[in-house]
Amino acid sequence: PYRPALFASAGIAPGRGLATVMELTHGLGGSAVVRGDADEGGKSIWVTLPLRRGLR
């Protein structure tokens, strides 16, 4: 499967979905990684966000 670079400019990679995910994730102080599936049939995007106390 196609695994775009996480920090590629929107003009280089097709689609804008991953760029949107990265912008939101970084804006919230998190990180993201694109990982291939074990059978090479797809990909997963792992997003990690910080926990904040006092939010409701």
PDB file of N, CA and C in Angstrom:
ATOM      1  N   PRO A   1       0.823  -1.205   0.000  1.00  0.00           N
ATOM      2  CA  PRO A   1       0.000   0.000   0.000  1.00  0.00           C
ATOM      3  C   PRO A   1       0.858   1.257   0.000  1.00  0.00           C
ATOM      4  N   TYR A   2       0.264   2.315  -0.389  1.00  0.00           N
ATOM      5  CA  TYR A   2       0.955   3.604  -0.407  1.00  0.00           C
ATOM      6  C   TYR A   2       1.076   4.120   1.016  1.00  0.00           C
ATOM      7  N   ARG A   3       2.278   4.438   1.440  1.00  0.00           N
ATOM      8  CA  ARG A   3       2.524   4.985   2.778  1.00  0.00           C
ATOM      9  C   ARG A   3       3.206   6.337   2.619  1.00  0.00           C
ATOM     10  N   PRO A   4       2.424   7.408   2.594  1.00  0.00           N
ATOM     11  CA  PRO A   4       3.023   8.727   2.390  1.00  0.00           C
ATOM     12  C   PRO A   4       3.888   9.146   3.562  1.00  0.00           C
ATOM     13  N   ALA A   5       4.838  10.007   3.285  1.00  0.00           N
ATOM     14  CA  ALA A   5       5.666  10.561   4.355  1.00  0.00           C
ATOM     15  C   ALA A   5       4.794  11.419   5.258  1.00  0.00           C
ATOM     16  N   LEU A   6       5.038  11.350   6.551  1.00  0.00           N
ATOM     17  CA  LEU A   6       4.207  12.101   7.485  1.00  0.00           C
ATOM     18  C   LEU A   6       4.331  13.600   7.314  1.00  0.00           C
ATOM     19  N   PHE A   7       5.508  14.086   6.916  1.00  0.00           N
ATOM     20  CA  PHE A   7       5.726  15.517   6.852  1.00  0.00           C
ATOM     21  C   PHE A   7       5.860  16.038   5.430  1.00  0.00           C
ATOM     22  N   ALA A   8       5.368  15.301   4.434  1.00  0.00           N
ATOM     23  CA  ALA A   8       5.422  15.758   3.044  1.00  0.00           C
ATOM     24  C   ALA A   8       4.456  16.918   2.850  1.00  0.00           C
ATOM     25  N   SER A   9       4.808  17.834   1.968  1.00  0.00           N
ATOM     26  CA  SER A   9       3.895  18.946   1.708  1.00  0.00           C
ATOM     27  C   SER A   9       2.675  18.430   0.961  1.00  0.00           C
ATOM     28  N   ALA A  10       1.586  19.136   1.084  1.00  0.00           N
ATOM     29  CA  ALA A  10       0.330  18.705   0.471  1.00  0.00           C
ATOM     30  C   ALA A  10       0.435  18.642  -1.044  1.00  0.00           C
ATOM     31  N   GLY A  11       1.334  19.428  -1.652  1.00  0.00           N
ATOM     32  CA  GLY A  11       1.479  19.425  -3.096  1.00  0.00           C
ATOM     33  C   GLY A  11       2.203  18.204  -3.635  1.00  0.00           C
ATOM     34  N   ILE A  12       2.942  17.493  -2.792  1.00  0.00           N
ATOM     35  CA  ILE A  12       3.713  16.331  -3.235  1.00  0.00           C
ATOM     36  C   ILE A  12       2.886  15.049  -3.167  1.00  0.00           C
ATOM     37  N   ALA A  13       2.221  14.811  -2.059  1.00  0.00           N
ATOM     38  CA  ALA A  13       1.485  13.567  -1.839  1.00  0.00           C
ATOM     39  C   ALA A  13       0.040  13.716  -2.301  1.00  0.00           C
ATOM     40  N   PRO A  14      -0.523  12.651  -2.881  1.00  0.00           N
ATOM     41  CA  PRO A  14      -1.933  12.708  -3.265  1.00  0.00           C
ATOM     42  C   PRO A  14      -2.816  12.708  -2.024  1.00  0.00           C
ATOM     43  N   GLY A  15      -3.966  13.351  -2.119  1.00  0.00           N
ATOM     44  CA  GLY A  15      -4.878  13.395  -0.978  1.00  0.00           C
ATOM     45  C   GLY A  15      -4.406  14.367   0.078  1.00  0.00           C
ATOM     46  N   ARG A  16      -5.296  14.707   0.986  1.00  0.00           N
ATOM     47  CA  ARG A  16      -4.937  15.650   2.046  1.00  0.00           C
ATOM     48  C   ARG A  16      -5.288  15.104   3.415  1.00  0.00           C
ATOM     49  N   GLY A  17      -5.834  13.890   3.491  1.00  0.00           N
ATOM     50  CA  GLY A  17      -6.285  13.325   4.757  1.00  0.00           C
ATOM     51  C   GLY A  17      -5.185  13.197   5.786  1.00  0.00           C
ATOM     52  N   LEU A  18      -4.043  12.655   5.393  1.00  0.00           N
ATOM     53  CA  LEU A  18      -2.946  12.476   6.338  1.00  0.00           C
ATOM     54  C   LEU A  18      -2.386  13.823   6.786  1.00  0.00           C
ATOM     55  N   ALA A  19      -2.344  14.788   5.903  1.00  0.00           N
ATOM     56  CA  ALA A  19      -1.876  16.126   6.278  1.00  0.00           C
ATOM     57  C   ALA A  19      -2.804  16.740   7.319  1.00  0.00           C
ATOM     58  N   THR A  20      -4.106  16.519   7.173  1.00  0.00           N
ATOM     59  CA  THR A  20      -5.075  17.028   8.146  1.00  0.00           C
ATOM     60  C   THR A  20      -4.886  16.357   9.493  1.00  0.00           C
ATOM     61  N   VAL A  21      -4.714  15.036   9.487  1.00  0.00           N
ATOM     62  CA  VAL A  21      -4.479  14.290  10.728  1.00  0.00           C
ATOM     63  C   VAL A  21      -3.222  14.807  11.417  1.00  0.00           C
ATOM     64  N   MET A  22      -2.145  15.005  10.663  1.00  0.00           N
ATOM     65  CA  MET A  22      -0.890  15.467  11.248  1.00  0.00           C
ATOM     66  C   MET A  22      -1.023  16.874  11.830  1.00  0.00           C
ATOM     67  N   GLU A  23      -1.700  17.760  11.131  1.00  0.00           N
ATOM     68  CA  GLU A  23      -1.859  19.128  11.622  1.00  0.00           C
ATOM     69  C   GLU A  23      -2.655  19.147  12.926  1.00  0.00           C
ATOM     70  N   LEU A  24      -3.744  18.405  12.979  1.00  0.00           N
ATOM     71  CA  LEU A  24      -4.546  18.346  14.202  1.00  0.00           C
ATOM     72  C   LEU A  24      -3.779  17.692  15.347  1.00  0.00           C
ATOM     73  N   THR A  25      -3.089  16.597  15.044  1.00  0.00           N
ATOM     74  CA  THR A  25      -2.339  15.871  16.074  1.00  0.00           C
ATOM     75  C   THR A  25      -1.239  16.743  16.670  1.00  0.00           C
ATOM     76  N   HIS A  26      -0.468  17.394  15.819  1.00  0.00           N
ATOM     77  CA  HIS A  26       0.620  18.257  16.305  1.00  0.00           C
ATOM     78  C   HIS A  26       0.072  19.472  17.041  1.00  0.00           C
ATOM     79  N   GLY A  27      -1.068  19.991  16.590  1.00  0.00           N
ATOM     80  CA  GLY A  27      -1.686  21.123  17.259  1.00  0.00           C
ATOM     81  C   GLY A  27      -2.119  20.803  18.682  1.00  0.00           C
ATOM     82  N   LEU A  28      -2.416  19.530  18.930  1.00  0.00           N
ATOM     83  CA  LEU A  28      -2.824  19.085  20.263  1.00  0.00           C
ATOM     84  C   LEU A  28      -1.650  18.547  21.077  1.00  0.00           C
ATOM     85  N   GLY A  29      -0.434  18.655  20.537  1.00  0.00           N
ATOM     86  CA  GLY A  29       0.752  18.208  21.266  1.00  0.00           C
ATOM     87  C   GLY A  29       1.024  16.724  21.163  1.00  0.00           C
ATOM     88  N   GLY A  30       0.473  16.076  20.146  1.00  0.00           N
ATOM     89  CA  GLY A  30       0.645  14.630  19.994  1.00  0.00           C
ATOM     90  C   GLY A  30       1.626  14.258  18.900  1.00  0.00           C
ATOM     91  N   SER A  31       1.621  12.966  18.556  1.00  0.00           N
ATOM     92  CA  SER A  31       2.483  12.451  17.496  1.00  0.00           C
ATOM     93  C   SER A  31       1.715  11.405  16.701  1.00  0.00           C
ATOM     94  N   ALA A  32       2.214  11.091  15.504  1.00  0.00           N
ATOM     95  CA  ALA A  32       1.570  10.097  14.648  1.00  0.00           C
ATOM     96  C   ALA A  32       2.623   9.309  13.884  1.00  0.00           C
ATOM     97  N   VAL A  33       2.292   8.043  13.584  1.00  0.00           N
ATOM     98  CA  VAL A  33       3.189   7.148  12.852  1.00  0.00           C
ATOM     99  C   VAL A  33       2.349   6.336  11.875  1.00  0.00           C
ATOM    100  N   VAL A  34       2.834   6.168  10.642  1.00  0.00           N
ATOM    101  CA  VAL A  34       2.182   5.288   9.673  1.00  0.00           C
ATOM    102  C   VAL A  34       2.900   3.955   9.717  1.00  0.00           C
ATOM    103  N   ARG A  35       2.156   2.877   9.969  1.00  0.00           N
ATOM    104  CA  ARG A  35       2.737   1.532  10.045  1.00  0.00           C
ATOM    105  C   ARG A  35       2.026   0.614   9.062  1.00  0.00           C
ATOM    106  N   GLY A  36       2.805  -0.215   8.391  1.00  0.00           N
ATOM    107  CA  GLY A  36       2.234  -1.194   7.490  1.00  0.00           C
ATOM    108  C   GLY A  36       1.676  -2.384   8.252  1.00  0.00           C
ATOM    109  N   ASP A  37       0.631  -3.006   7.715  1.00  0.00           N
ATOM    110  CA  ASP A  37       0.078  -4.215   8.315  1.00  0.00           C
ATOM    111  C   ASP A  37       1.036  -5.379   8.117  1.00  0.00           C
ATOM    112  N   ALA A  38       0.896  -6.412   8.949  1.00  0.00           N
ATOM    113  CA  ALA A  38       1.790  -7.571   8.886  1.00  0.00           C
ATOM    114  C   ALA A  38       1.724  -8.272   7.537  1.00  0.00           C
ATOM    115  N   ASP A  39       0.558  -8.296   6.907  1.00  0.00           N
ATOM    116  CA  ASP A  39       0.412  -8.991   5.624  1.00  0.00           C
ATOM    117  C   ASP A  39       0.676  -8.082   4.427  1.00  0.00           C
ATOM    118  N   GLU A  40       1.143  -6.847   4.686  1.00  0.00           N
ATOM    119  CA  GLU A  40       1.447  -5.865   3.628  1.00  0.00           C
ATOM    120  C   GLU A  40       0.216  -5.493   2.808  1.00  0.00           C
ATOM    121  N   GLY A  41      -0.981  -5.723   3.349  1.00  0.00           N
ATOM    122  CA  GLY A  41      -2.199  -5.416   2.606  1.00  0.00           C
ATOM    123  C   GLY A  41      -2.807  -4.072   2.944  1.00  0.00           C
ATOM    124  N   GLY A  42      -2.219  -3.347   3.856  1.00  0.00           N
ATOM    125  CA  GLY A  42      -2.797  -2.063   4.243  1.00  0.00           C
ATOM    126  C   GLY A  42      -1.875  -1.306   5.171  1.00  0.00           C
ATOM    127  N   LYS A  43      -2.437  -0.314   5.827  1.00  0.00           N
ATOM    128  CA  LYS A  43      -1.639   0.493   6.743  1.00  0.00           C
ATOM    129  C   LYS A  43      -2.505   0.930   7.914  1.00  0.00           C
ATOM    130  N   SER A  44      -1.842   1.336   8.976  1.00  0.00           N
ATOM    131  CA  SER A  44      -2.502   1.892  10.151  1.00  0.00           C
ATOM    132  C   SER A  44      -1.823   3.206  10.491  1.00  0.00           C
ATOM    133  N   ILE A  45      -2.603   4.143  10.959  1.00  0.00           N
ATOM    134  CA  ILE A  45      -2.052   5.411  11.422  1.00  0.00           C
ATOM    135  C   ILE A  45      -2.248   5.444  12.928  1.00  0.00           C
ATOM    136  N   TRP A  46      -1.145   5.430  13.665  1.00  0.00           N
ATOM    137  CA  TRP A  46      -1.175   5.445  15.126  1.00  0.00           C
ATOM    138  C   TRP A  46      -1.017   6.883  15.591  1.00  0.00           C
ATOM    139  N   VAL A  47      -2.002   7.366  16.332  1.00  0.00           N
ATOM    140  CA  VAL A  47      -1.982   8.729  16.858  1.00  0.00           C
ATOM    141  C   VAL A  47      -1.900   8.656  18.373  1.00  0.00           C
ATOM    142  N   THR A  48      -0.995   9.426  18.950  1.00  0.00           N
ATOM    143  CA  THR A  48      -0.845   9.505  20.403  1.00  0.00           C
ATOM    144  C   THR A  48      -1.081  10.948  20.820  1.00  0.00           C
ATOM    145  N   LEU A  49      -2.010  11.130  21.763  1.00  0.00           N
ATOM    146  CA  LEU A  49      -2.323  12.464  22.266  1.00  0.00           C
ATOM    147  C   LEU A  49      -2.059  12.527  23.761  1.00  0.00           C
ATOM    148  N   PRO A  50      -1.618  13.675  24.263  1.00  0.00           N
ATOM    149  CA  PRO A  50      -1.372  13.804  25.700  1.00  0.00           C
ATOM    150  C   PRO A  50      -2.695  13.873  26.467  1.00  0.00           C
ATOM    151  N   LEU A  51      -2.678  13.359  27.688  1.00  0.00           N
ATOM    152  CA  LEU A  51      -3.841  13.464  28.565  1.00  0.00           C
ATOM    153  C   LEU A  51      -3.759  14.782  29.318  1.00  0.00           C
ATOM    154  N   ARG A  52      -4.881  15.423  29.470  1.00  0.00           N
ATOM    155  CA  ARG A  52      -4.922  16.689  30.200  1.00  0.00           C
ATOM    156  C   ARG A  52      -5.938  16.574  31.323  1.00  0.00           C
ATOM    157  N   ARG A  53      -5.564  17.026  32.467  1.00  0.00           N
ATOM    158  CA  ARG A  53      -6.478  17.007  33.609  1.00  0.00           C
ATOM    159  C   ARG A  53      -7.365  18.241  33.578  1.00  0.00           C
ATOM    160  N   GLY A  54      -8.573  18.071  34.103  1.00  0.00           N
ATOM    161  CA  GLY A  54      -9.464  19.206  34.260  1.00  0.00           C
ATOM    162  C   GLY A  54     -10.308  19.543  33.046  1.00  0.00           C
ATOM    163  N   LEU A  55     -10.193  18.813  31.954  1.00  0.00           N
ATOM    164  CA  LEU A  55     -11.028  19.072  30.780  1.00  0.00           C
ATOM    165  C   LEU A  55     -12.337  18.323  30.915  1.00  0.00           C
ATOM    166  N   ARG A  56     -13.401  18.971  30.499  1.00  0.00           N
ATOM    167  CA  ARG A  56     -14.721  18.313  30.549  1.00  0.00           C
ATOM    168  C   ARG A  56     -15.398  18.438  29.228  1.00  0.00           C
TER     169      ARG A  56
END
